[in-house]
Protein backbone atom coordinates (compact mmCIF):
# COMPACT_ATOMS: atom_id res chain seq x y z
CA UNK A 1 -10.71 9.69 5.37
CA UNK A 2 -11.68 6.01 5.23
CA UNK A 3 -9.26 3.06 5.06
CA UNK A 4 -9.50 2.76 1.26
CA UNK A 5 -8.74 6.46 0.73
CA UNK A 6 -5.83 6.26 3.16
CA UNK A 7 -4.56 3.13 1.41
CA UNK A 8 -4.72 4.92 -1.93
CA UNK A 9 -2.72 7.86 -0.55
CA UNK A 10 -0.08 5.60 0.99
CA UNK A 11 0.24 3.47 -2.15
CA UNK A 12 0.47 6.55 -4.36
CA UNK A 13 3.25 7.92 -2.17
CA UNK A 14 5.17 4.63 -2.31
CA UNK A 15 4.77 4.48 -6.10
CA UNK A 16 5.58 8.19 -6.40
CA UNK A 17 2.48 8.87 -8.49
CA UNK A 18 -0.60 11.01 -8.01
CA UNK A 19 -3.37 9.36 -6.00
CA UNK A 20 -5.77 9.90 -8.92
CA UNK A 21 -3.56 7.56 -11.00
CA UNK A 22 -4.08 4.64 -8.59
CA UNK A 23 -6.86 2.45 -9.97
CA UNK A 24 -9.38 1.03 -7.48
CA UNK A 25 -8.27 -2.49 -8.43
CA UNK A 26 -4.53 -1.73 -8.08
CA UNK A 27 -2.51 -4.89 -7.70
CA UNK A 28 1.13 -5.86 -7.56
CA UNK A 29 2.24 -6.78 -11.07
CA UNK A 30 -0.41 -4.67 -12.77
CA UNK A 31 1.11 -1.27 -12.08
CA UNK A 32 4.50 -0.67 -13.67
CA UNK A 33 5.74 1.51 -10.81
CA UNK A 34 4.95 -1.17 -8.19
CA UNK A 35 8.36 -2.79 -8.17
CA UNK A 36 10.40 -4.19 -5.27
CA UNK A 37 11.69 -0.76 -4.23
CA UNK A 38 8.18 0.73 -4.25
CA UNK A 39 6.98 -2.27 -2.25
CA UNK A 40 9.69 -1.62 0.36
CA UNK A 41 8.61 2.05 0.53
CA UNK A 42 5.02 0.88 0.93
CA UNK A 43 5.86 -1.42 3.83
CA UNK A 44 7.82 1.34 5.58
CA UNK A 45 4.96 3.81 5.07
CA UNK A 46 2.46 1.31 6.48
CA UNK A 47 4.64 0.65 9.52
CA UNK A 48 4.91 4.38 10.12
CA UNK A 49 1.14 4.86 9.77
CA UNK A 50 0.35 1.92 12.06
CA UNK A 51 3.07 2.81 14.56
CA UNK A 52 4.39 -0.74 14.64
CA UNK A 53 6.40 -3.21 12.64
CA UNK A 54 4.49 -5.46 10.25
CA UNK A 55 4.73 -9.18 10.83
CA UNK A 56 6.24 -11.25 8.05
CA UNK A 57 2.82 -12.73 7.29
CA UNK A 58 1.27 -9.26 7.00
CA UNK A 59 4.07 -8.00 4.75
CA UNK A 60 3.90 -10.95 2.34
CA UNK A 61 0.10 -10.76 2.15
CA UNK A 62 0.11 -7.23 0.70
CA UNK A 63 -0.52 -7.63 -3.01
CA UNK A 64 -3.34 -5.18 -3.71
CA UNK A 65 -4.93 -1.91 -2.71
CA UNK A 66 -7.66 -3.88 -0.97
CA UNK A 67 -5.02 -5.73 1.09
CA UNK A 68 -3.61 -2.40 2.21
CA UNK A 69 -7.06 -1.04 3.10
CA UNK A 70 -7.89 -4.20 5.05
CA UNK A 71 -4.67 -3.91 7.04
CA UNK A 72 -5.42 -0.27 7.85
CA UNK A 73 -9.02 -1.04 8.85
CA UNK A 74 -7.96 -3.56 11.53
């Protein structure tokens, strides 16, 4: 699974929707389910996947599916 596919799975889990419902251009503010609680779930899921705590800069920079994929690819 590549970084974009993994990002889609993680985002879908945080939003509590099926991965097929996550558009490739998913962005904070464009998906109704992506609220502050879903964003907190997303950050926790990313920290678990990466095995480390996200820095404040990393956490604030996550606004889109591409941002998540980029973080995972590093």
